[in-house]
Amino acid sequence: MNQPIDATHDDETLERGRTYLAMMNEIPPHVVERWAIMKAAGRTATIDAIEDLREVAITGNHLGLKWQQLVQFGQLLVLRAEDPARLHAKAAIHHGATFQDLIGIAETAFITGGVLAYSLGVRIAGDFGGGK
């Protein structure tokens, strides 16, 4: 389960996680874990460079957060990356996407990812409405 935004994150994590907070209103635990590993390795410059680029590419993109999240949802369906796809579907809903939007992305994912990508997308979309 993802941690809520509260005292569970120190100031450094909250600052580094500003793009995740804007996208998802949370910092996923696997991201915090990745940062902790890289900090232990003495490689925080790598983390900061990646997160700075992420901020430019996502929050500075004219598509806006809803469409950014829908695009990433579709890409992850094609890659059959269920857990990340689910996170981005949730973030898309948070930013105003609808159940029908998720279904449209699943149908589009079929074109490049086949029935497996489509089925994964439908299953995830079902968690946000329709049929359950």
Protein backbone atom coordinates (compact mmCIF):
# COMPACT_ATOMS: atom_id res chain seq x y z
CA MET A 1 0.00 0.00 0.00
CA ASN A 2 1.30 3.46 -0.82
CA GLN A 3 2.14 5.78 2.02
CA PRO A 4 0.07 8.94 2.42
CA ILE A 5 1.76 12.32 2.26
CA ASP A 6 2.54 13.05 5.88
CA ALA A 7 5.35 12.77 8.40
CA THR A 8 6.38 9.38 6.95
CA HIS A 9 8.52 11.26 4.39
CA ASP A 10 11.40 13.54 5.31
CA ASP A 11 11.90 16.92 3.62
CA GLU A 12 14.49 15.54 1.18
CA THR A 13 12.11 12.81 0.01
CA LEU A 14 9.22 15.25 -0.33
CA GLU A 15 11.36 17.64 -2.40
CA ARG A 16 12.75 14.88 -4.61
CA GLY A 17 9.26 13.41 -4.98
CA ARG A 18 7.52 16.60 -6.09
CA THR A 19 6.72 15.19 -9.56
CA TYR A 20 5.24 11.99 -8.08
CA LEU A 21 3.22 14.10 -5.68
CA ALA A 22 1.90 16.19 -8.58
CA MET A 23 1.12 13.08 -10.66
CA MET A 24 -0.18 10.68 -8.05
CA ASN A 25 -0.58 12.62 -4.81
CA GLU A 26 1.83 10.08 -3.32
CA ILE A 27 5.35 8.75 -3.65
CA PRO A 28 5.20 5.01 -4.41
CA PRO A 29 7.15 2.87 -1.92
CA HIS A 30 9.26 1.28 -4.67
CA VAL A 31 10.47 4.74 -5.67
CA VAL A 32 11.45 5.64 -2.09
CA GLU A 33 13.24 2.29 -1.85
CA ARG A 34 15.16 2.96 -5.08
CA TRP A 35 16.23 6.35 -3.77
CA ALA A 36 17.39 4.84 -0.45
CA ILE A 37 19.51 2.26 -2.26
CA MET A 38 21.12 4.89 -4.46
CA LYS A 39 21.72 7.14 -1.44
CA ALA A 40 23.46 4.24 0.32
CA ALA A 41 25.57 3.81 -2.82
CA GLY A 42 26.52 7.48 -2.73
CA ARG A 43 24.79 8.14 -6.06
CA THR A 44 22.18 10.79 -5.22
CA ALA A 45 23.35 12.89 -8.19
CA THR A 46 21.94 10.17 -10.49
CA ILE A 47 18.60 10.24 -8.67
CA ASP A 48 18.42 14.02 -8.83
CA ALA A 49 19.26 14.11 -12.55
CA ILE A 50 16.58 11.52 -13.33
CA GLU A 51 13.95 13.27 -11.22
CA ASP A 52 14.79 16.69 -12.71
CA LEU A 53 14.35 15.26 -16.22
CA ARG A 54 11.12 13.53 -15.16
CA GLU A 55 9.80 16.87 -13.93
CA VAL A 56 10.57 18.59 -17.24
CA ALA A 57 9.13 15.76 -19.35
CA ILE A 58 5.98 15.27 -17.30
CA THR A 59 4.90 18.37 -15.41
CA GLY A 60 6.25 20.70 -18.09
CA ASN A 61 4.51 18.84 -20.90
CA HIS A 62 1.62 20.60 -22.63
CA LEU A 63 -0.50 17.43 -22.57
CA GLY A 64 -1.21 17.94 -18.89
CA LEU A 65 -1.14 15.34 -16.16
CA LYS A 66 -4.33 13.49 -17.16
CA TRP A 67 -3.11 12.77 -20.68
CA GLN A 68 0.46 12.13 -19.54
CA GLN A 69 -0.87 9.45 -17.21
CA LEU A 70 -3.11 7.95 -19.88
CA VAL A 71 -0.19 7.76 -22.33
CA GLN A 72 2.00 6.10 -19.72
CA PHE A 73 -0.84 3.71 -18.85
CA GLY A 74 -1.04 2.64 -22.50
CA GLN A 75 2.73 2.26 -22.83
CA LEU A 76 2.85 0.10 -19.73
CA LEU A 77 0.00 -2.08 -21.01
CA VAL A 78 2.01 -2.83 -24.14
CA LEU A 79 4.99 -3.70 -21.91
CA ARG A 80 2.62 -5.83 -19.79
CA ALA A 81 3.85 -4.07 -16.66
CA GLU A 82 0.75 -4.55 -14.53
CA ASP A 83 1.71 -2.85 -11.26
CA PRO A 84 3.08 0.33 -12.87
CA ALA A 85 0.13 0.39 -15.31
CA ARG A 86 -2.25 0.22 -12.37
CA LEU A 87 -0.45 3.13 -10.64
CA HIS A 88 -0.70 5.29 -13.76
CA ALA A 89 -4.36 4.38 -14.30
CA LYS A 90 -5.05 5.50 -10.73
CA ALA A 91 -3.12 8.72 -11.33
CA ALA A 92 -5.05 9.35 -14.57
CA ILE A 93 -8.34 8.93 -12.71
CA HIS A 94 -7.02 11.31 -10.01
CA HIS A 95 -6.48 13.91 -12.75
CA GLY A 96 -9.91 13.56 -14.32
CA ALA A 97 -9.71 10.54 -16.63
CA THR A 98 -12.79 8.34 -16.78
CA PHE A 99 -13.44 4.62 -16.94
CA GLN A 100 -14.21 5.16 -20.64
CA ASP A 101 -10.82 6.84 -21.13
CA LEU A 102 -9.08 3.79 -19.64
CA ILE A 103 -11.09 1.50 -21.92
CA GLY A 104 -10.12 3.64 -24.93
CA ILE A 105 -6.46 3.34 -24.00
CA ALA A 106 -6.83 -0.44 -23.59
CA GLU A 107 -8.39 -0.66 -27.04
CA THR A 108 -5.56 1.42 -28.49
CA ALA A 109 -2.96 -0.72 -26.72
CA PHE A 110 -4.38 -3.69 -28.62
CA ILE A 111 -3.01 -2.22 -31.86
CA THR A 112 0.62 -2.42 -30.76
CA GLY A 113 0.46 -4.88 -27.87
CA GLY A 114 -2.15 -7.39 -28.93
CA VAL A 115 -4.82 -9.14 -26.92
CA LEU A 116 -2.63 -9.49 -23.82
CA ALA A 117 -2.14 -5.72 -23.55
CA TYR A 118 -5.84 -5.14 -24.26
CA SER A 119 -6.94 -7.71 -21.67
CA LEU A 120 -4.65 -6.25 -19.03
CA GLY A 121 -6.02 -2.77 -19.73
CA VAL A 122 -9.63 -3.93 -19.54
CA ARG A 123 -8.94 -5.73 -16.27
CA ILE A 124 -7.30 -2.65 -14.74
CA ALA A 125 -10.03 -0.35 -16.08
CA GLY A 126 -12.58 -2.64 -14.49
CA ASP A 127 -11.13 -1.77 -11.11
CA PHE A 128 -12.17 1.84 -11.68
CA GLY A 129 -15.72 1.24 -12.88
CA GLY A 130 -17.91 -1.03 -14.89
CA GLY A 131 -18.48 -4.66 -14.10
CA LYS A 132 -17.30 -4.71 -10.48
